[in-house]
Amino acid sequence: MSPQAQLIMLAWLPIVIFLFLRFSPRKAVIISFLVAWLFLPQRAGFVFSGIPDYTRISATCYSIFFLTFFFDSQRLTRFKLTWLDLPMLIFCVCPFFSSISNDLGAYDGLSQTLSQTVTYGLPYFLGRLYLSDLVGLSQLAISIFISGLIYMPLCLFEIRLSPQLHRMVYGYFAHSFAQTVRYGGFRPTVFMLHGLEVGMWMMAVTLIGIWLWQAKVIKQVKGIPVQWLLVALIITFVLIKSTGAYGYLVFGMIILFIAKWFRSNVPLLVLMIGISLYLCLASTGNFSTKNAEPLLATISNTLGENRAGSLEFRLDNEEILVERALERPIFGWGGWGRNRVYDYNSEGVLVDISTTDSLWIIVYGVRGIVGLVSLYASFLLPVFIFATRRYPPKFWFHPQVAPATVLSVVIVLYMLDNTLNAMFNPIFTLISGGITGLVVTVPKQRSRKNSNLSTGKYYKRIKNNVSDSIH
């Protein structure tokens, strides 16, 4: 870690305090998370024994939590734990039982629990506190879109000149430079860890921008018509060269526009069921590379043998990792690499022969089926209730509901990506907390007549606030 990276990490705490003094608490939370994740240095911070390391996200969460305690304590007293919060709560405490069941000790369990709580629990909790209504989710969606417009010229710079911004600003490369080369050009990383992470983020930005434009939530930005900005954004997204993100954008467009044209949430439900079914089959050892041969052949014919080979390599590794995980299926193996597969090489040295590419297999191996189910339930279950019980598809195109709708779709696409990659992003956890808060505060619509009446009244109460947040 370079001196300038150390300096900005130390300066981040007073910067967050300034944001809270300058803006409303809700806006300060959104700005703090976006700036921390998009611009602060990678692999920077300070390591402590027994407690979570000081990183860009832990520093942001600590700052916001303590500022909330001292300056906005009423928001904490109004918070009520609900049954829908249980999956995230279980996921946060699961490491303790993983450590105990593997004889790693209570100290290790408490340390791992605290670390996972800071990584996942605090962003989720802050989303519950500050973004649990349509106004807050609208502000977040608009802010994410604006962040993409800011990131756009930075991506174009690195596409042309190679990923250099992190080195130029902070003095070092955060990841392997070799992985930035793709299709005869460069895949930007900007201030993120990997090009895949940038691709996923810009996919979310593009999808959010298209839907907000279609729903007439945003018509222009700084006097520039939003459709022109979207053209530039789509071109940039294509040039990023993230093929998986291309597919996610297509899935997202299909989900949203079928809801607009046919008032149907079936594509979204099919995607969530598909993710759940795959995890069920794969985690029990009933899905193998042989089952994926037709898919691999299709990818090889359309995207090339390299992409098919990459997916086949991941599936082969998942097979041996699942066999290892099934030896400790409930709470997993705990930390310290015990979930990985080892074997002796030709020189008789015990080496790690496994590669963990996807988040699901990492969580399954380390935290077991309890951790895996609780993680995916904390993200997918609120979206399911949003799309089926609280806001059926006929409301998805309404200007007040459209931002929450597209954020819900983005969450599902993010969890789909986690079946292939392990690109953690706390902004999506923040969104999950907000969606959860929304669905537990909005009453269930029991009939079409009551749905129109109650939702209409709800729109009237928030209309002015949403308009103010947009402008």
Protein backbone atom coordinates (compact mmCIF):
# COMPACT_ATOMS: atom_id res chain seq x y z
CA MET A 1 0.00 0.00 0.00
CA SER A 2 1.43 3.34 -1.07
CA PRO A 3 1.66 6.47 1.14
CA GLN A 4 -1.07 8.24 -0.85
CA ALA A 5 -3.37 5.24 -0.40
CA GLN A 6 -2.72 5.28 3.34
CA LEU A 7 -3.40 9.00 3.46
CA ILE A 8 -6.75 8.81 1.68
CA MET A 9 -7.84 5.91 3.88
CA LEU A 10 -7.08 7.93 7.01
CA ALA A 11 -8.78 11.00 5.54
CA TRP A 12 -11.92 9.07 4.66
CA LEU A 13 -13.42 9.23 8.17
CA PRO A 14 -13.49 13.05 8.33
CA ILE A 15 -14.72 13.15 4.73
CA VAL A 16 -17.75 11.02 5.65
CA ILE A 17 -18.39 13.33 8.62
CA PHE A 18 -18.30 16.31 6.24
CA LEU A 19 -20.79 14.59 3.92
CA PHE A 20 -23.21 14.13 6.81
CA LEU A 21 -22.86 17.80 7.73
CA ARG A 22 -23.26 18.94 4.12
CA PHE A 23 -26.14 16.71 2.96
CA SER A 24 -29.16 15.00 4.42
CA PRO A 25 -28.33 11.69 6.16
CA ARG A 26 -29.87 9.66 3.35
CA LYS A 27 -27.90 11.42 0.62
CA ALA A 28 -24.75 11.23 2.73
CA VAL A 29 -25.12 7.45 3.02
CA ILE A 30 -25.58 7.04 -0.74
CA ILE A 31 -22.66 9.33 -1.63
CA SER A 32 -20.37 7.72 0.95
CA PHE A 33 -20.95 4.19 -0.32
CA LEU A 34 -20.64 5.11 -3.99
CA VAL A 35 -17.48 7.16 -3.57
CA ALA A 36 -15.89 4.54 -1.28
CA TRP A 37 -16.53 1.65 -3.64
CA LEU A 38 -15.85 3.43 -6.93
CA PHE A 39 -12.86 5.61 -6.08
CA LEU A 40 -11.00 4.58 -2.91
CA PRO A 41 -7.88 2.40 -3.30
CA GLN A 42 -8.01 -1.36 -3.64
CA ARG A 43 -6.29 -3.69 -1.15
CA ALA A 44 -5.65 -0.73 1.12
CA GLY A 45 -6.29 -0.27 4.81
CA PHE A 46 -4.94 -1.47 8.12
CA VAL A 47 -4.94 -4.98 9.57
CA PHE A 48 -5.95 -5.60 13.17
CA SER A 49 -5.87 -8.81 15.18
CA GLY A 50 -9.23 -10.24 16.21
CA ILE A 51 -11.35 -7.45 14.73
CA PRO A 52 -12.28 -6.60 11.13
CA ASP A 53 -9.59 -4.89 9.10
CA TYR A 54 -9.87 -1.18 8.42
CA THR A 55 -10.93 -1.10 4.77
CA ARG A 56 -12.85 1.33 2.59
CA ILE A 57 -16.16 -0.39 3.37
CA SER A 58 -15.58 -0.99 7.07
CA ALA A 59 -14.47 2.64 7.46
CA THR A 60 -17.61 3.81 5.65
CA CYS A 61 -19.93 1.59 7.69
CA TYR A 62 -18.31 2.51 11.02
CA SER A 63 -18.51 6.22 10.22
CA ILE A 64 -22.15 6.15 9.14
CA PHE A 65 -23.22 3.96 12.04
CA PHE A 66 -21.65 6.18 14.69
CA LEU A 67 -22.88 9.37 13.02
CA THR A 68 -26.36 7.87 12.96
CA PHE A 69 -26.06 7.00 16.65
CA PHE A 70 -25.06 10.54 17.64
CA PHE A 71 -27.00 12.69 15.14
CA ASP A 72 -29.92 10.56 13.95
CA SER A 73 -30.61 8.22 16.89
CA GLN A 74 -34.38 8.34 16.37
CA ARG A 75 -33.89 6.38 13.18
CA LEU A 76 -32.24 3.60 15.20
CA THR A 77 -35.00 3.51 17.79
CA ARG A 78 -37.65 3.23 15.06
CA PHE A 79 -35.98 0.21 13.50
CA LYS A 80 -37.84 -3.08 14.01
CA LEU A 81 -36.40 -6.47 13.20
CA THR A 82 -38.75 -8.53 11.00
CA TRP A 83 -38.86 -12.13 9.81
CA LEU A 84 -37.48 -11.01 6.46
CA ASP A 85 -34.29 -9.87 8.18
CA LEU A 86 -33.63 -13.36 9.52
CA PRO A 87 -31.71 -14.66 6.46
CA MET A 88 -29.13 -11.88 6.74
CA LEU A 89 -28.99 -12.28 10.52
CA ILE A 90 -28.38 -16.02 10.14
CA PHE A 91 -25.71 -15.39 7.51
CA CYS A 92 -23.89 -12.98 9.85
CA VAL A 93 -23.84 -15.36 12.85
CA CYS A 94 -23.20 -18.50 10.79
CA PRO A 95 -19.37 -18.15 10.99
CA PHE A 96 -19.47 -18.70 14.74
CA PHE A 97 -21.13 -22.10 14.35
CA SER A 98 -18.79 -22.97 11.46
CA SER A 99 -15.80 -22.38 13.73
CA ILE A 100 -17.29 -24.23 16.70
CA SER A 101 -18.32 -27.26 14.62
CA ASN A 102 -14.77 -27.49 13.22
CA ASP A 103 -13.04 -27.11 16.63
CA LEU A 104 -11.54 -23.76 15.61
CA GLY A 105 -12.59 -22.17 18.88
CA ALA A 106 -14.93 -19.44 20.06
CA TYR A 107 -12.36 -16.69 19.46
CA ASP A 108 -12.08 -17.60 15.79
CA GLY A 109 -15.87 -17.84 15.56
CA LEU A 110 -16.45 -14.42 17.10
CA SER A 111 -13.76 -12.85 14.94
CA GLN A 112 -15.19 -14.35 11.73
CA THR A 113 -18.73 -13.39 12.75
CA LEU A 114 -17.73 -9.79 13.37
CA SER A 115 -15.90 -9.63 10.03
CA GLN A 116 -18.87 -11.02 8.09
CA THR A 117 -21.24 -8.70 9.93
CA VAL A 118 -19.18 -5.68 8.90
CA THR A 119 -18.90 -6.90 5.30
CA TYR A 120 -22.53 -7.88 4.74
CA GLY A 121 -24.59 -7.03 7.80
CA LEU A 122 -23.78 -3.33 8.17
CA PRO A 123 -24.43 -2.35 4.51
CA TYR A 124 -27.68 -4.32 4.67
CA PHE A 125 -28.64 -2.68 7.98
CA LEU A 126 -27.86 0.82 6.68
CA GLY A 127 -29.98 0.08 3.61
CA ARG A 128 -32.83 -0.91 5.95
CA LEU A 129 -32.40 2.31 7.92
CA TYR A 130 -32.08 4.86 5.13
CA LEU A 131 -33.44 3.38 1.88
CA SER A 132 -36.55 1.47 2.92
CA ASP A 133 -39.07 3.47 0.89
CA LEU A 134 -39.65 4.45 -2.72
CA VAL A 135 -38.04 7.86 -2.22
CA GLY A 136 -34.80 6.42 -0.88
CA LEU A 137 -34.58 3.76 -3.58
CA SER A 138 -35.28 6.41 -6.23
CA GLN A 139 -32.43 8.53 -4.94
CA LEU A 140 -30.13 5.52 -4.92
CA ALA A 141 -31.07 4.46 -8.47
CA ILE A 142 -30.54 7.98 -9.81
CA SER A 143 -27.22 8.27 -7.96
CA ILE A 144 -26.02 4.95 -9.41
CA PHE A 145 -26.90 6.19 -12.89
CA ILE A 146 -24.98 9.44 -12.30
CA SER A 147 -22.00 7.44 -11.00
CA GLY A 148 -21.99 5.51 -14.27
CA LEU A 149 -21.86 8.74 -16.25
CA ILE A 150 -18.86 9.80 -14.16
CA TYR A 151 -17.20 6.41 -14.66
CA MET A 152 -17.84 6.45 -18.42
CA PRO A 153 -14.93 8.72 -19.49
CA LEU A 154 -12.62 6.90 -17.07
CA CYS A 155 -13.53 3.59 -18.70
CA LEU A 156 -12.93 5.05 -22.17
CA PHE A 157 -9.54 6.36 -21.04
CA GLU A 158 -8.44 2.90 -19.92
CA ILE A 159 -9.92 1.17 -22.97
CA ARG A 160 -7.68 3.38 -25.09
CA LEU A 161 -4.53 3.59 -22.96
CA SER A 162 -4.81 0.44 -20.76
CA PRO A 163 -5.82 0.28 -17.08
CA GLN A 164 -3.53 2.84 -15.48
CA LEU A 165 -5.70 5.11 -13.32
CA HIS A 166 -5.24 3.17 -10.08
CA ARG A 167 -1.47 3.16 -10.59
CA MET A 168 -1.41 6.84 -11.55
CA VAL A 169 -3.42 7.94 -8.50
CA TYR A 170 -2.39 5.41 -5.85
CA GLY A 171 0.96 4.23 -7.13
CA TYR A 172 0.36 0.52 -7.69
CA PHE A 173 -1.63 -2.04 -9.68
CA ALA A 174 -4.37 -3.67 -7.63
CA HIS A 175 -4.57 -6.85 -9.71
CA SER A 176 -2.90 -8.81 -12.48
CA PHE A 177 -2.37 -6.64 -15.55
CA ALA A 178 -2.54 -9.73 -17.77
CA GLN A 179 -6.23 -10.15 -16.98
CA THR A 180 -7.02 -6.71 -18.39
CA VAL A 181 -6.22 -7.84 -21.96
CA ARG A 182 -9.30 -9.03 -23.84
CA TYR A 183 -10.13 -9.46 -27.56
CA GLY A 184 -7.08 -7.59 -28.79
CA GLY A 185 -7.67 -4.60 -26.52
CA PHE A 186 -7.99 -3.64 -22.90
CA ARG A 187 -10.74 -4.20 -20.36
CA PRO A 188 -10.90 -1.26 -17.92
CA THR A 189 -10.63 -1.67 -14.16
CA VAL A 190 -10.60 2.04 -13.20
CA PHE A 191 -10.52 1.93 -9.36
CA MET A 192 -12.10 -1.49 -9.01
CA LEU A 193 -10.29 -4.77 -8.52
CA HIS A 194 -11.14 -6.53 -11.79
CA GLY A 195 -12.63 -5.82 -15.19
CA LEU A 196 -15.50 -8.19 -14.43
CA GLU A 197 -16.46 -5.95 -11.53
CA VAL A 198 -16.52 -2.90 -13.80
CA GLY A 199 -18.57 -4.81 -16.37
CA MET A 200 -21.17 -5.80 -13.78
CA TRP A 201 -21.38 -2.25 -12.43
CA MET A 202 -21.74 -0.63 -15.86
CA MET A 203 -24.36 -3.23 -16.77
CA ALA A 204 -26.37 -2.17 -13.73
CA VAL A 205 -25.88 1.50 -14.59
CA THR A 206 -26.99 0.97 -18.18
CA LEU A 207 -30.06 -1.06 -17.24
CA ILE A 208 -31.07 1.48 -14.58
CA GLY A 209 -30.60 4.36 -17.01
CA ILE A 210 -32.70 2.74 -19.73
CA TRP A 211 -35.57 1.96 -17.37
CA LEU A 212 -35.54 5.38 -15.68
CA TRP A 213 -35.63 7.00 -19.11
CA GLN A 214 -38.47 4.78 -20.30
CA ALA A 215 -40.47 5.50 -17.13
CA LYS A 216 -39.79 9.25 -17.52
CA VAL A 217 -38.10 9.43 -14.13
CA ILE A 218 -35.13 11.22 -15.72
CA LYS A 219 -35.46 13.34 -18.84
CA GLN A 220 -32.14 15.17 -18.80
CA VAL A 221 -28.93 15.56 -16.82
CA LYS A 222 -27.34 19.01 -16.64
CA GLY A 223 -29.39 20.05 -19.66
CA ILE A 224 -28.32 17.07 -21.77
CA PRO A 225 -31.18 14.81 -22.97
CA VAL A 226 -30.87 11.47 -21.22
CA GLN A 227 -31.27 9.50 -24.45
CA TRP A 228 -27.98 10.93 -25.76
CA LEU A 229 -26.24 10.02 -22.55
CA LEU A 230 -27.64 6.52 -22.82
CA VAL A 231 -26.24 6.12 -26.33
CA ALA A 232 -22.77 7.03 -25.05
CA LEU A 233 -23.24 4.76 -22.04
CA ILE A 234 -24.26 1.77 -24.16
CA ILE A 235 -21.29 2.27 -26.49
CA THR A 236 -18.94 2.41 -23.51
CA PHE A 237 -20.55 -0.69 -22.02
CA VAL A 238 -19.99 -2.64 -25.24
CA LEU A 239 -16.35 -1.52 -25.39
CA ILE A 240 -15.74 -2.81 -21.86
CA LYS A 241 -15.66 -6.34 -23.37
CA SER A 242 -17.42 -8.16 -20.53
CA THR A 243 -19.40 -10.88 -22.32
CA GLY A 244 -21.17 -12.11 -19.20
CA ALA A 245 -22.42 -8.61 -18.46
CA TYR A 246 -23.82 -8.42 -22.01
CA GLY A 247 -26.00 -11.43 -21.22
CA TYR A 248 -27.13 -9.95 -17.91
CA LEU A 249 -28.22 -6.75 -19.64
CA VAL A 250 -30.24 -8.74 -22.18
CA PHE A 251 -31.89 -10.75 -19.36
CA GLY A 252 -32.70 -7.55 -17.51
CA MET A 253 -34.24 -5.91 -20.59
CA ILE A 254 -36.37 -9.00 -21.26
CA ILE A 255 -37.65 -9.02 -17.67
CA LEU A 256 -38.52 -5.32 -17.61
CA PHE A 257 -40.07 -4.94 -21.04
CA ILE A 258 -42.16 -8.10 -20.81
CA ALA A 259 -43.52 -6.63 -17.58
CA LYS A 260 -44.23 -3.37 -19.40
CA TRP A 261 -45.89 -4.91 -22.45
CA PHE A 262 -47.59 -7.99 -21.00
CA ARG A 263 -47.93 -7.15 -17.26
CA SER A 264 -46.07 -10.35 -16.42
CA ASN A 265 -43.36 -11.11 -13.88
CA VAL A 266 -42.82 -14.65 -15.19
CA PRO A 267 -39.29 -14.05 -16.63
CA LEU A 268 -38.09 -12.68 -13.29
CA LEU A 269 -39.61 -15.59 -11.39
CA VAL A 270 -38.16 -18.10 -13.86
CA LEU A 271 -34.70 -16.59 -13.38
CA MET A 272 -34.95 -16.74 -9.57
CA ILE A 273 -36.26 -20.32 -9.70
CA GLY A 274 -33.49 -21.23 -12.13
CA ILE A 275 -30.81 -19.88 -9.79
CA SER A 276 -32.34 -21.75 -6.85
CA LEU A 277 -32.68 -24.98 -8.83
CA TYR A 278 -29.07 -24.82 -10.02
CA LEU A 279 -27.79 -24.27 -6.48
CA CYS A 280 -29.94 -27.14 -5.23
CA LEU A 281 -28.58 -29.54 -7.85
CA ALA A 282 -24.98 -28.35 -7.73
CA SER A 283 -24.70 -28.29 -3.93
CA THR A 284 -25.89 -31.88 -3.68
CA GLY A 285 -23.49 -33.11 -6.34
CA ASN A 286 -26.24 -33.76 -8.91
CA PHE A 287 -24.90 -31.32 -11.50
CA SER A 288 -21.66 -31.99 -13.36
CA THR A 289 -19.77 -30.81 -16.41
CA LYS A 290 -21.50 -33.55 -18.42
CA ASN A 291 -24.86 -31.92 -17.73
CA ALA A 292 -23.52 -28.67 -19.17
CA GLU A 293 -22.14 -30.11 -22.42
CA PRO A 294 -24.93 -28.65 -24.62
CA LEU A 295 -24.38 -25.21 -23.04
CA LEU A 296 -20.61 -25.49 -23.47
CA ALA A 297 -21.06 -26.43 -27.14
CA THR A 298 -23.31 -23.42 -27.69
CA ILE A 299 -20.84 -21.06 -26.02
CA SER A 300 -17.97 -22.54 -28.02
CA ASN A 301 -19.84 -21.94 -31.31
CA THR A 302 -20.98 -18.40 -30.45
CA LEU A 303 -18.31 -16.90 -28.17
CA GLY A 304 -15.31 -19.08 -28.95
CA GLU A 305 -13.48 -22.03 -27.44
CA ASN A 306 -11.70 -19.89 -24.87
CA ARG A 307 -14.94 -18.81 -23.20
CA ALA A 308 -16.30 -22.37 -23.25
CA GLY A 309 -13.03 -23.65 -21.82
CA SER A 310 -13.14 -21.09 -19.03
CA LEU A 311 -16.65 -22.17 -18.02
CA GLU A 312 -15.70 -25.86 -18.24
CA PHE A 313 -12.70 -25.22 -15.98
CA ARG A 314 -14.96 -23.57 -13.40
CA LEU A 315 -17.46 -26.41 -13.47
CA ASP A 316 -14.72 -29.01 -13.12
CA ASN A 317 -13.38 -27.23 -10.04
CA GLU A 318 -16.85 -26.86 -8.57
CA GLU A 319 -17.32 -30.63 -8.80
CA ILE A 320 -14.32 -31.41 -6.61
CA LEU A 321 -15.12 -28.51 -4.26
CA VAL A 322 -18.68 -29.78 -3.80
CA GLU A 323 -17.32 -33.23 -2.92
CA ARG A 324 -15.18 -31.55 -0.28
CA ALA A 325 -18.09 -29.40 0.99
CA LEU A 326 -20.36 -32.44 1.36
CA GLU A 327 -18.02 -33.72 4.08
CA ARG A 328 -19.20 -30.77 6.22
CA PRO A 329 -22.59 -29.93 4.65
CA ILE A 330 -24.33 -28.01 7.46
CA PHE A 331 -21.93 -25.27 8.59
CA GLY A 332 -19.04 -25.89 6.21
CA TRP A 333 -15.33 -26.14 6.94
CA GLY A 334 -14.82 -22.70 8.42
CA GLY A 335 -11.90 -20.51 7.44
CA TRP A 336 -8.17 -20.99 6.84
CA GLY A 337 -8.58 -22.68 3.44
CA ARG A 338 -10.04 -25.86 4.91
CA ASN A 339 -12.74 -25.87 2.20
CA ARG A 340 -10.20 -26.26 -0.59
CA VAL A 341 -8.90 -29.48 -2.17
CA TYR A 342 -5.26 -30.52 -1.73
CA ASP A 343 -3.14 -33.23 -3.29
CA TYR A 344 0.51 -34.15 -3.61
CA ASN A 345 2.37 -33.01 -6.71
CA SER A 346 5.11 -34.92 -8.57
CA GLU A 347 7.66 -33.75 -5.99
CA GLY A 348 5.62 -35.07 -3.08
CA VAL A 349 4.57 -31.62 -1.86
CA LEU A 350 0.98 -31.07 -0.72
CA VAL A 351 -0.49 -28.31 -2.91
CA ASP A 352 -3.88 -26.68 -3.47
CA ILE A 353 -5.36 -28.09 -6.68
CA SER A 354 -8.69 -26.21 -6.58
CA THR A 355 -9.81 -22.84 -7.89
CA THR A 356 -12.79 -21.04 -6.37
CA ASP A 357 -14.23 -18.67 -8.97
CA SER A 358 -17.85 -18.37 -7.85
CA LEU A 359 -19.18 -16.88 -4.63
CA TRP A 360 -21.69 -19.67 -4.09
CA ILE A 361 -19.08 -22.42 -3.93
CA ILE A 362 -16.91 -20.33 -1.59
CA VAL A 363 -19.81 -19.72 0.79
CA TYR A 364 -20.94 -23.34 0.56
CA GLY A 365 -17.51 -24.70 1.36
CA VAL A 366 -16.78 -22.26 4.19
CA ARG A 367 -20.26 -21.79 5.73
CA GLY A 368 -22.17 -24.84 4.54
CA ILE A 369 -25.75 -25.07 3.38
CA VAL A 370 -26.88 -22.76 6.19
CA GLY A 371 -24.65 -19.96 4.93
CA LEU A 372 -25.49 -20.58 1.27
CA VAL A 373 -29.27 -20.61 1.74
CA SER A 374 -29.28 -17.60 4.08
CA LEU A 375 -27.12 -15.52 1.72
CA TYR A 376 -29.24 -16.14 -1.37
CA ALA A 377 -32.49 -15.83 0.59
CA SER A 378 -31.47 -12.42 1.95
CA PHE A 379 -31.15 -11.13 -1.63
CA LEU A 380 -33.82 -13.06 -3.56
CA LEU A 381 -36.66 -13.36 -1.06
CA PRO A 382 -37.32 -9.58 -0.75
CA VAL A 383 -37.39 -9.31 -4.56
CA PHE A 384 -39.86 -12.19 -4.78
CA ILE A 385 -42.22 -10.48 -2.31
CA PHE A 386 -41.75 -7.13 -4.07
CA ALA A 387 -42.62 -8.58 -7.47
CA THR A 388 -45.52 -10.81 -6.44
CA ARG A 389 -47.18 -9.38 -3.32
CA ARG A 390 -46.35 -5.69 -2.93
CA TYR A 391 -45.87 -4.28 -6.42
CA PRO A 392 -47.19 -6.51 -9.23
CA PRO A 393 -45.89 -5.84 -12.77
CA LYS A 394 -48.72 -3.42 -13.63
CA PHE A 395 -47.01 -0.90 -11.31
CA TRP A 396 -43.42 -1.43 -12.45
CA PHE A 397 -43.55 1.30 -15.09
CA HIS A 398 -44.98 3.93 -12.75
CA PRO A 399 -42.39 6.72 -12.21
CA GLN A 400 -42.45 6.25 -8.44
CA VAL A 401 -42.05 2.45 -8.56
CA ALA A 402 -39.73 2.15 -11.59
CA PRO A 403 -36.48 2.86 -9.66
CA ALA A 404 -37.24 0.22 -7.02
CA THR A 405 -38.25 -2.20 -9.78
CA VAL A 406 -35.03 -1.91 -11.76
CA LEU A 407 -32.95 -2.16 -8.57
CA SER A 408 -34.79 -5.38 -7.72
CA VAL A 409 -33.97 -6.81 -11.15
CA VAL A 410 -30.34 -5.76 -10.75
CA ILE A 411 -30.19 -7.64 -7.44
CA VAL A 412 -31.33 -10.87 -9.12
CA LEU A 413 -28.79 -10.41 -11.92
CA TYR A 414 -26.09 -9.83 -9.32
CA MET A 415 -26.94 -13.12 -7.61
CA LEU A 416 -26.93 -14.82 -11.01
CA ASP A 417 -23.40 -13.50 -11.50
CA ASN A 418 -22.44 -14.92 -8.11
CA THR A 419 -23.10 -18.40 -9.47
CA LEU A 420 -20.16 -17.81 -11.84
CA ASN A 421 -17.97 -15.15 -10.23
CA ALA A 422 -17.07 -13.82 -6.80
CA MET A 423 -17.22 -10.07 -7.28
CA PHE A 424 -18.53 -8.76 -3.96
CA ASN A 425 -20.15 -5.32 -4.15
CA PRO A 426 -21.60 -3.73 -0.98
CA ILE A 427 -23.81 -1.39 -3.02
CA PHE A 428 -25.94 -4.37 -3.99
CA THR A 429 -26.12 -5.41 -0.33
CA LEU A 430 -27.24 -1.86 0.48
CA ILE A 431 -29.96 -2.21 -2.18
CA SER A 432 -31.07 -5.52 -0.72
CA GLY A 433 -31.55 -3.89 2.67
CA GLY A 434 -33.58 -1.12 1.07
CA ILE A 435 -35.83 -3.52 -0.84
CA THR A 436 -36.37 -5.54 2.33
CA GLY A 437 -37.36 -2.43 4.25
CA LEU A 438 -39.74 -1.43 1.49
CA VAL A 439 -41.63 -4.72 1.31
CA VAL A 440 -42.04 -4.96 5.09
CA THR A 441 -43.47 -1.42 5.36
CA VAL A 442 -45.86 -1.45 2.39
CA PRO A 443 -49.09 -3.36 3.13
CA LYS A 444 -49.93 -6.39 1.00
CA GLN A 445 -52.40 -5.64 -1.79
CA ARG A 446 -55.27 -8.10 -1.25
CA SER A 447 -57.38 -7.27 -4.27
CA ARG A 448 -57.18 -5.32 -7.47
CA LYS A 449 -59.60 -2.69 -6.21
CA ASN A 450 -57.77 -2.23 -2.91
CA SER A 451 -54.43 -2.37 -4.66
CA ASN A 452 -55.27 0.56 -6.92
CA LEU A 453 -56.69 2.55 -4.02
CA SER A 454 -53.93 1.99 -1.48
CA THR A 455 -51.10 2.31 -4.00
CA GLY A 456 -52.65 5.48 -5.41
CA LYS A 457 -52.72 7.05 -1.95
CA TYR A 458 -49.14 5.94 -1.39
CA TYR A 459 -48.04 7.60 -4.63
CA LYS A 460 -49.69 10.87 -3.62
CA ARG A 461 -47.88 10.93 -0.28
CA ILE A 462 -44.44 10.53 -1.83
CA LYS A 463 -44.87 12.29 -5.18
CA ASN A 464 -43.42 15.62 -4.10
CA ASN A 465 -40.50 14.02 -2.29
CA VAL A 466 -39.57 11.89 -5.29
CA SER A 467 -39.75 14.87 -7.63
CA ASP A 468 -37.48 16.86 -5.31
CA SER A 469 -34.95 14.02 -5.17
CA ILE A 470 -34.82 13.78 -8.97
CA HIS A 471 -34.24 17.48 -9.52
